[in-house]
């Protein structure tokens, strides 16, 4: 399935929905990706200043 992501908010909603559908905690996902939980939360909330390169480099 292809999902079109047009904004940081779209990416955040997809990340959160995927995490929730897999019954995962935010800190567990962040740790698995070698990210801090605050950064992972910022991504999920669509925070505009998130460095998206970090998301794709992991």
Protein backbone atom coordinates (compact mmCIF):
# COMPACT_ATOMS: atom_id res chain seq x y z
CA UNK A 1 0.00 0.00 0.00
CA UNK A 2 1.30 3.45 -0.90
CA UNK A 3 0.56 6.39 1.34
CA UNK A 4 1.27 9.86 0.09
CA UNK A 5 3.04 12.02 2.67
CA UNK A 6 2.74 15.72 1.92
CA UNK A 7 3.75 17.21 5.26
CA UNK A 8 5.56 16.59 8.52
CA UNK A 9 2.13 16.19 10.14
CA UNK A 10 1.27 13.39 7.66
CA UNK A 11 4.50 11.60 8.54
CA UNK A 12 3.76 11.95 12.23
CA UNK A 13 0.24 10.56 11.92
CA UNK A 14 1.53 7.59 9.95
CA UNK A 15 4.33 6.91 12.45
CA UNK A 16 1.96 7.07 15.40
CA UNK A 17 -0.73 4.94 13.75
CA UNK A 18 1.85 2.32 12.79
CA UNK A 19 3.30 2.24 16.31
CA UNK A 20 -0.14 2.00 17.92
CA UNK A 21 -1.36 -0.71 15.55
CA UNK A 22 1.66 -2.79 16.57
CA UNK A 23 1.00 -2.14 20.28
CA UNK A 24 4.43 -0.56 20.81
CA UNK A 25 5.42 2.09 23.32
CA UNK A 26 7.05 5.28 22.09
CA UNK A 27 10.20 4.77 24.15
CA UNK A 28 10.61 1.23 22.81
CA UNK A 29 10.37 2.40 19.19
CA UNK A 30 12.75 5.29 19.87
CA UNK A 31 15.28 2.98 21.49
CA UNK A 32 15.09 0.50 18.62
CA UNK A 33 15.88 3.32 16.18
CA UNK A 34 18.64 4.76 18.38
CA UNK A 35 16.60 7.93 18.86
CA UNK A 36 15.56 9.76 21.97
CA UNK A 37 11.93 9.47 23.03
CA UNK A 38 11.50 13.25 22.86
CA UNK A 39 12.63 13.28 19.22
CA UNK A 40 10.37 10.35 18.37
CA UNK A 41 7.46 12.15 20.05
CA UNK A 42 8.23 15.32 18.10
CA UNK A 43 8.06 13.31 14.87
CA UNK A 44 4.70 11.82 15.84
CA UNK A 45 3.32 15.24 16.71
CA UNK A 46 4.42 16.67 13.37
CA UNK A 47 6.77 19.20 14.88
CA UNK A 48 8.03 21.32 12.00
CA UNK A 49 11.60 21.67 13.28
CA UNK A 50 12.27 17.93 13.34
CA UNK A 51 15.32 17.06 11.25
CA UNK A 52 13.74 14.62 8.84
CA UNK A 53 17.13 13.45 7.59
CA UNK A 54 17.59 11.72 10.94
CA UNK A 55 14.35 9.78 10.39
CA UNK A 56 15.46 8.46 7.02
CA UNK A 57 19.07 7.74 7.97
CA UNK A 58 18.08 5.16 10.57
